[in-house]
């Protein structure tokens, strides 16, 4: 595990992906306390104290559909793609508002960036997205990225923010991609089922440096 720890502690630019289970109340609306906690930890990376080196962070966050369902009063997650898209559109408003509110407590600005896999497959749009994200990072703004669910179908059906996060990490040439999850770790060797240690522990090591 030394190589993974060293990679994170040396990283100057990180893409951090937060899953729905870590920002919602069991899938029912946003968990303000949880999002505030993530914002506080990320703020310590971007504006550290005690002489630690500042880092650039891009945040890829799920949770829009769950928040939309809460706002619309839906108790059961819809299966129709158009209803999922509608829930995501409604929920995206609350998700961005929540992050903006939480990060503002630390004197940080956020920016909403909605992307699709097609955006990153088209060379011109790819370069435009990279230029925008790099400019935001240089300004000390934290980009909050999510899938543009109103114009895609496969991604919202399969909940593919993990793939989006990896594409964004490649887009901005990040030093590390951190996927935060409520699972005990990531499978390092498929057949042996060997788990890497919990990534939240690894992230805490970054903040201590």
C-alpha atoms as a PDB file:
ATOM      1  CA  UNK A   1       0.000   0.000   0.000  1.00  0.00           C
ATOM      2  CA  UNK A   2       3.050   2.298   0.179  1.00  0.00           C
ATOM      3  CA  UNK A   3       2.804   3.249  -3.491  1.00  0.00           C
ATOM      4  CA  UNK A   4      -0.862   4.305  -3.182  1.00  0.00           C
ATOM      5  CA  UNK A   5      -0.153   6.353  -0.057  1.00  0.00           C
ATOM      6  CA  UNK A   6       2.830   8.051  -1.667  1.00  0.00           C
ATOM      7  CA  UNK A   7       0.792   8.837  -4.774  1.00  0.00           C
ATOM      8  CA  UNK A   8      -1.833  10.659  -2.741  1.00  0.00           C
ATOM      9  CA  UNK A   9       0.512  12.515  -0.439  1.00  0.00           C
ATOM     10  CA  UNK A  10       2.521  13.775  -3.407  1.00  0.00           C
ATOM     11  CA  UNK A  11      -0.523  14.697  -5.503  1.00  0.00           C
ATOM     12  CA  UNK A  12      -0.939  18.385  -6.299  1.00  0.00           C
ATOM     13  CA  UNK A  13      -4.204  18.027  -8.225  1.00  0.00           C
ATOM     14  CA  UNK A  14      -6.914  15.550  -7.248  1.00  0.00           C
ATOM     15  CA  UNK A  15     -10.260  14.481  -8.632  1.00  0.00           C
ATOM     16  CA  UNK A  16     -12.490  13.292  -5.784  1.00  0.00           C
ATOM     17  CA  UNK A  17     -15.683  11.375  -6.538  1.00  0.00           C
ATOM     18  CA  UNK A  18     -18.343  11.126  -3.824  1.00  0.00           C
ATOM     19  CA  UNK A  19     -21.078   8.503  -4.206  1.00  0.00           C
ATOM     20  CA  UNK A  20     -24.774   9.006  -3.510  1.00  0.00           C
ATOM     21  CA  UNK A  21     -24.685   6.974  -0.307  1.00  0.00           C
ATOM     22  CA  UNK A  22     -22.184   9.423   1.199  1.00  0.00           C
ATOM     23  CA  UNK A  23     -24.156  12.590   0.499  1.00  0.00           C
ATOM     24  CA  UNK A  24     -27.772  11.476   0.984  1.00  0.00           C
ATOM     25  CA  UNK A  25     -29.948  10.234   3.817  1.00  0.00           C
ATOM     26  CA  UNK A  26     -30.149   6.613   2.712  1.00  0.00           C
ATOM     27  CA  UNK A  27     -31.039   7.802  -0.765  1.00  0.00           C
ATOM     28  CA  UNK A  28     -33.782  10.152   0.522  1.00  0.00           C
ATOM     29  CA  UNK A  29     -32.642  13.702  -0.083  1.00  0.00           C
ATOM     30  CA  UNK A  30     -29.322  15.307   0.682  1.00  0.00           C
ATOM     31  CA  UNK A  31     -27.518  14.899   4.003  1.00  0.00           C
ATOM     32  CA  UNK A  32     -26.426  18.430   4.874  1.00  0.00           C
ATOM     33  CA  UNK A  33     -24.185  17.311   7.723  1.00  0.00           C
ATOM     34  CA  UNK A  34     -22.376  14.817   5.499  1.00  0.00           C
ATOM     35  CA  UNK A  35     -21.852  17.326   2.688  1.00  0.00           C
ATOM     36  CA  UNK A  36     -20.644  19.915   5.185  1.00  0.00           C
ATOM     37  CA  UNK A  37     -18.126  17.389   6.495  1.00  0.00           C
ATOM     38  CA  UNK A  38     -16.831  16.602   2.982  1.00  0.00           C
ATOM     39  CA  UNK A  39     -16.614  20.317   2.222  1.00  0.00           C
ATOM     40  CA  UNK A  40     -14.606  20.871   5.389  1.00  0.00           C
ATOM     41  CA  UNK A  41     -12.131  18.126   4.562  1.00  0.00           C
ATOM     42  CA  UNK A  42     -11.698  19.309   0.977  1.00  0.00           C
ATOM     43  CA  UNK A  43     -11.283  22.896   2.184  1.00  0.00           C
ATOM     44  CA  UNK A  44      -8.352  21.705   4.282  1.00  0.00           C
ATOM     45  CA  UNK A  45      -6.731  20.424   1.105  1.00  0.00           C
ATOM     46  CA  UNK A  46      -7.353  23.592  -0.895  1.00  0.00           C
ATOM     47  CA  UNK A  47      -6.568  26.049   1.908  1.00  0.00           C
ATOM     48  CA  UNK A  48      -4.412  24.142   4.388  1.00  0.00           C
ATOM     49  CA  UNK A  49      -3.063  25.515   7.639  1.00  0.00           C
ATOM     50  CA  UNK A  50       0.257  24.992   9.374  1.00  0.00           C
ATOM     51  CA  UNK A  51       2.450  25.472   6.335  1.00  0.00           C
ATOM     52  CA  UNK A  52       1.046  22.522   4.370  1.00  0.00           C
ATOM     53  CA  UNK A  53       1.021  22.763   0.584  1.00  0.00           C
ATOM     54  CA  UNK A  54      -2.259  23.730  -1.062  1.00  0.00           C
ATOM     55  CA  UNK A  55      -3.834  21.339  -3.542  1.00  0.00           C
ATOM     56  CA  UNK A  56      -6.270  21.722  -6.400  1.00  0.00           C
ATOM     57  CA  UNK A  57      -9.461  19.662  -6.135  1.00  0.00           C
ATOM     58  CA  UNK A  58     -12.200  18.806  -8.605  1.00  0.00           C
ATOM     59  CA  UNK A  59     -15.257  17.183  -7.033  1.00  0.00           C
ATOM     60  CA  UNK A  60     -17.459  14.729  -8.933  1.00  0.00           C
ATOM     61  CA  UNK A  61     -20.638  14.240  -6.922  1.00  0.00           C
ATOM     62  CA  UNK A  62     -23.664  12.017  -7.217  1.00  0.00           C
ATOM     63  CA  UNK A  63     -26.916  12.698  -5.374  1.00  0.00           C
ATOM     64  CA  UNK A  64     -28.988  14.751  -7.838  1.00  0.00           C
ATOM     65  CA  UNK A  65     -31.598  12.058  -8.495  1.00  0.00           C
ATOM     66  CA  UNK A  66     -32.081  11.340  -4.784  1.00  0.00           C
ATOM     67  CA  UNK A  67     -32.516  15.038  -4.030  1.00  0.00           C
ATOM     68  CA  UNK A  68     -34.914  15.435  -6.930  1.00  0.00           C
ATOM     69  CA  UNK A  69     -37.029  12.555  -5.701  1.00  0.00           C
ATOM     70  CA  UNK A  70     -37.178  14.158  -2.262  1.00  0.00           C
ATOM     71  CA  UNK A  71     -38.237  17.512  -3.689  1.00  0.00           C
ATOM     72  CA  UNK A  72     -40.869  15.927  -5.919  1.00  0.00           C
ATOM     73  CA  UNK A  73     -42.222  13.764  -3.118  1.00  0.00           C
ATOM     74  CA  UNK A  74     -41.386  10.488  -4.847  1.00  0.00           C
ATOM     75  CA  UNK A  75     -40.909   7.554  -2.499  1.00  0.00           C
ATOM     76  CA  UNK A  76     -39.798   5.048  -5.129  1.00  0.00           C
ATOM     77  CA  UNK A  77     -37.002   5.554  -7.627  1.00  0.00           C
ATOM     78  CA  UNK A  78     -38.564   5.681 -11.109  1.00  0.00           C
ATOM     79  CA  UNK A  79     -37.502   3.265 -13.810  1.00  0.00           C
ATOM     80  CA  UNK A  80     -38.482   5.421 -16.804  1.00  0.00           C
ATOM     81  CA  UNK A  81     -35.441   7.278 -18.114  1.00  0.00           C
ATOM     82  CA  UNK A  82     -37.364  10.512 -18.710  1.00  0.00           C
ATOM     83  CA  UNK A  83     -38.535  10.530 -15.084  1.00  0.00           C
ATOM     84  CA  UNK A  84     -35.001   9.896 -13.851  1.00  0.00           C
ATOM     85  CA  UNK A  85     -33.822  12.789 -16.000  1.00  0.00           C
ATOM     86  CA  UNK A  86     -36.539  15.026 -14.580  1.00  0.00           C
ATOM     87  CA  UNK A  87     -35.596  14.066 -11.017  1.00  0.00           C
ATOM     88  CA  UNK A  88     -31.938  14.768 -11.751  1.00  0.00           C
ATOM     89  CA  UNK A  89     -32.766  18.186 -13.207  1.00  0.00           C
ATOM     90  CA  UNK A  90     -34.770  19.153 -10.115  1.00  0.00           C
ATOM     91  CA  UNK A  91     -32.237  17.678  -7.713  1.00  0.00           C
ATOM     92  CA  UNK A  92     -29.243  19.284  -9.368  1.00  0.00           C
ATOM     93  CA  UNK A  93     -30.483  22.657  -8.107  1.00  0.00           C
ATOM     94  CA  UNK A  94     -30.419  21.481  -4.504  1.00  0.00           C
ATOM     95  CA  UNK A  95     -27.103  19.665  -4.880  1.00  0.00           C
ATOM     96  CA  UNK A  96     -25.296  22.731  -6.179  1.00  0.00           C
ATOM     97  CA  UNK A  97     -26.948  25.020  -3.620  1.00  0.00           C
ATOM     98  CA  UNK A  98     -25.873  22.708  -0.815  1.00  0.00           C
ATOM     99  CA  UNK A  99     -22.259  22.546  -1.943  1.00  0.00           C
ATOM    100  CA  UNK A 100     -22.098  26.302  -2.502  1.00  0.00           C
ATOM    101  CA  UNK A 101     -23.470  26.920   0.987  1.00  0.00           C
ATOM    102  CA  UNK A 102     -21.088  24.470   2.659  1.00  0.00           C
ATOM    103  CA  UNK A 103     -17.948  25.604   0.839  1.00  0.00           C
ATOM    104  CA  UNK A 104     -18.788  29.277   1.400  1.00  0.00           C
ATOM    105  CA  UNK A 105     -18.400  28.597   5.108  1.00  0.00           C
ATOM    106  CA  UNK A 106     -14.712  28.124   4.330  1.00  0.00           C
ATOM    107  CA  UNK A 107     -14.444  31.139   2.037  1.00  0.00           C
ATOM    108  CA  UNK A 108     -14.429  29.007  -1.119  1.00  0.00           C
ATOM    109  CA  UNK A 109     -16.405  29.394  -4.328  1.00  0.00           C
ATOM    110  CA  UNK A 110     -17.809  26.503  -6.348  1.00  0.00           C
ATOM    111  CA  UNK A 111     -18.763  26.136 -10.003  1.00  0.00           C
ATOM    112  CA  UNK A 112     -21.293  23.778 -11.546  1.00  0.00           C
ATOM    113  CA  UNK A 113     -19.985  21.797 -14.517  1.00  0.00           C
ATOM    114  CA  UNK A 114     -22.258  19.308 -16.292  1.00  0.00           C
ATOM    115  CA  UNK A 115     -20.547  16.923 -18.689  1.00  0.00           C
ATOM    116  CA  UNK A 116     -21.327  13.851 -20.758  1.00  0.00           C
ATOM    117  CA  UNK A 117     -19.100  11.138 -22.143  1.00  0.00           C
ATOM    118  CA  UNK A 118     -19.781  12.569 -25.609  1.00  0.00           C
ATOM    119  CA  UNK A 119     -18.411  15.939 -24.503  1.00  0.00           C
ATOM    120  CA  UNK A 120     -15.113  14.287 -23.695  1.00  0.00           C
ATOM    121  CA  UNK A 121     -15.085  12.236 -26.897  1.00  0.00           C
ATOM    122  CA  UNK A 122     -15.333  15.333 -29.100  1.00  0.00           C
ATOM    123  CA  UNK A 123     -11.934  17.020 -29.460  1.00  0.00           C
ATOM    124  CA  UNK A 124     -13.190  20.604 -29.526  1.00  0.00           C
ATOM    125  CA  UNK A 125     -15.497  20.189 -26.545  1.00  0.00           C
ATOM    126  CA  UNK A 126     -12.774  18.242 -24.731  1.00  0.00           C
ATOM    127  CA  UNK A 127     -10.332  21.137 -25.085  1.00  0.00           C
ATOM    128  CA  UNK A 128     -12.976  23.691 -24.088  1.00  0.00           C
ATOM    129  CA  UNK A 129     -13.850  21.706 -20.959  1.00  0.00           C
ATOM    130  CA  UNK A 130     -10.184  21.313 -20.024  1.00  0.00           C
ATOM    131  CA  UNK A 131      -9.535  25.043 -20.474  1.00  0.00           C
ATOM    132  CA  UNK A 132     -12.521  25.955 -18.306  1.00  0.00           C
ATOM    133  CA  UNK A 133     -11.634  23.525 -15.520  1.00  0.00           C
ATOM    134  CA  UNK A 134      -7.989  24.585 -15.450  1.00  0.00           C
ATOM    135  CA  UNK A 135      -9.041  28.233 -15.274  1.00  0.00           C
ATOM    136  CA  UNK A 136     -11.402  27.537 -12.388  1.00  0.00           C
ATOM    137  CA  UNK A 137      -8.690  25.656 -10.501  1.00  0.00           C
ATOM    138  CA  UNK A 138      -6.194  28.476 -11.068  1.00  0.00           C
ATOM    139  CA  UNK A 139      -8.777  30.867  -9.570  1.00  0.00           C
ATOM    140  CA  UNK A 140      -9.108  28.698  -6.467  1.00  0.00           C
ATOM    141  CA  UNK A 141     -12.666  27.681  -7.368  1.00  0.00           C
ATOM    142  CA  UNK A 142     -13.843  24.116  -6.721  1.00  0.00           C
ATOM    143  CA  UNK A 143     -15.611  22.643  -9.765  1.00  0.00           C
ATOM    144  CA  UNK A 144     -18.583  20.451  -8.834  1.00  0.00           C
ATOM    145  CA  UNK A 145     -19.041  18.019 -11.712  1.00  0.00           C
ATOM    146  CA  UNK A 146     -21.976  15.796 -12.480  1.00  0.00           C
ATOM    147  CA  UNK A 147     -23.365  14.003 -15.494  1.00  0.00           C
ATOM    148  CA  UNK A 148     -25.572  16.163 -17.717  1.00  0.00           C
ATOM    149  CA  UNK A 149     -28.495  13.819 -17.161  1.00  0.00           C
ATOM    150  CA  UNK A 150     -31.026  15.789 -19.217  1.00  0.00           C
ATOM    151  CA  UNK A 151     -29.268  14.915 -22.473  1.00  0.00           C
ATOM    152  CA  UNK A 152     -27.983  11.391 -21.813  1.00  0.00           C
ATOM    153  CA  UNK A 153     -29.698   8.065 -21.209  1.00  0.00           C
ATOM    154  CA  UNK A 154     -27.140   5.274 -20.708  1.00  0.00           C
ATOM    155  CA  UNK A 155     -25.265   7.130 -17.975  1.00  0.00           C
ATOM    156  CA  UNK A 156     -28.316   7.907 -15.847  1.00  0.00           C
ATOM    157  CA  UNK A 157     -29.550   4.339 -16.268  1.00  0.00           C
ATOM    158  CA  UNK A 158     -26.312   2.834 -14.984  1.00  0.00           C
ATOM    159  CA  UNK A 159     -25.152   5.585 -12.607  1.00  0.00           C
ATOM    160  CA  UNK A 160     -21.780   5.942 -14.280  1.00  0.00           C
ATOM    161  CA  UNK A 161     -20.169   8.773 -12.308  1.00  0.00           C
ATOM    162  CA  UNK A 162     -17.161   6.572 -11.525  1.00  0.00           C
ATOM    163  CA  UNK A 163     -16.326   6.467 -15.218  1.00  0.00           C
ATOM    164  CA  UNK A 164     -16.998  10.198 -15.534  1.00  0.00           C
ATOM    165  CA  UNK A 165     -14.583  10.872 -12.678  1.00  0.00           C
ATOM    166  CA  UNK A 166     -11.852   8.859 -14.381  1.00  0.00           C
ATOM    167  CA  UNK A 167     -12.429  10.728 -17.639  1.00  0.00           C
ATOM    168  CA  UNK A 168     -12.210  14.063 -15.816  1.00  0.00           C
ATOM    169  CA  UNK A 169      -8.987  12.994 -14.109  1.00  0.00           C
ATOM    170  CA  UNK A 170      -7.519  12.292 -17.524  1.00  0.00           C
ATOM    171  CA  UNK A 171      -8.977  15.526 -18.914  1.00  0.00           C
ATOM    172  CA  UNK A 172      -7.181  17.796 -16.463  1.00  0.00           C
ATOM    173  CA  UNK A 173      -4.171  15.485 -16.059  1.00  0.00           C
ATOM    174  CA  UNK A 174      -4.830  15.089 -12.344  1.00  0.00           C
ATOM    175  CA  UNK A 175      -2.190  13.455 -10.186  1.00  0.00           C
ATOM    176  CA  UNK A 176      -4.708  11.209  -8.454  1.00  0.00           C
ATOM    177  CA  UNK A 177      -8.328  10.059  -8.591  1.00  0.00           C
ATOM    178  CA  UNK A 178      -9.988   9.301  -5.261  1.00  0.00           C
ATOM    179  CA  UNK A 179     -13.320   7.451  -5.302  1.00  0.00           C
ATOM    180  CA  UNK A 180     -15.054   7.709  -1.931  1.00  0.00           C
ATOM    181  CA  UNK A 181     -17.576   4.991  -1.168  1.00  0.00           C
ATOM    182  CA  UNK A 182     -19.362   3.304   1.708  1.00  0.00           C
ATOM    183  CA  UNK A 183     -17.773   0.017   0.676  1.00  0.00           C
ATOM    184  CA  UNK A 184     -14.835  -1.348   2.661  1.00  0.00           C
ATOM    185  CA  UNK A 185     -12.418  -0.709  -0.171  1.00  0.00           C
ATOM    186  CA  UNK A 186     -11.643  -1.434  -3.791  1.00  0.00           C
ATOM    187  CA  UNK A 187     -10.854  -4.830  -5.244  1.00  0.00           C
ATOM    188  CA  UNK A 188      -7.148  -4.778  -6.011  1.00  0.00           C
ATOM    189  CA  UNK A 189      -6.914  -8.324  -7.360  1.00  0.00           C
ATOM    190  CA  UNK A 190     -10.169  -9.635  -8.787  1.00  0.00           C
ATOM    191  CA  UNK A 191      -9.616 -13.351  -8.325  1.00  0.00           C
ATOM    192  CA  UNK A 192      -8.073 -13.114  -4.887  1.00  0.00           C
ATOM    193  CA  UNK A 193     -10.656 -10.537  -3.741  1.00  0.00           C
ATOM    194  CA  UNK A 194      -7.913  -8.530  -2.051  1.00  0.00           C
ATOM    195  CA  UNK A 195      -9.232  -5.166  -0.894  1.00  0.00           C
ATOM    196  CA  UNK A 196      -7.264  -1.961  -0.850  1.00  0.00           C
ATOM    197  CA  UNK A 197      -7.630  -0.146   2.426  1.00  0.00           C
ATOM    198  CA  UNK A 198     -10.465   2.349   2.818  1.00  0.00           C
ATOM    199  CA  UNK A 199      -9.847   5.375   0.641  1.00  0.00           C
ATOM    200  CA  UNK A 200     -11.139   7.774   3.265  1.00  0.00           C
ATOM    201  CA  UNK A 201      -8.180   6.731   5.413  1.00  0.00           C
ATOM    202  CA  UNK A 202      -5.847   7.429   2.520  1.00  0.00           C
ATOM    203  CA  UNK A 203      -7.442  10.827   1.991  1.00  0.00           C
ATOM    204  CA  UNK A 204      -6.885  11.655   5.641  1.00  0.00           C
ATOM    205  CA  UNK A 205      -3.186  10.961   5.121  1.00  0.00           C
ATOM    206  CA  UNK A 206      -3.132  13.539   2.349  1.00  0.00           C
ATOM    207  CA  UNK A 207      -4.649  16.149   4.642  1.00  0.00           C
ATOM    208  CA  UNK A 208      -2.094  15.430   7.359  1.00  0.00           C
ATOM    209  CA  UNK A 209       0.842  16.104   5.092  1.00  0.00           C
END
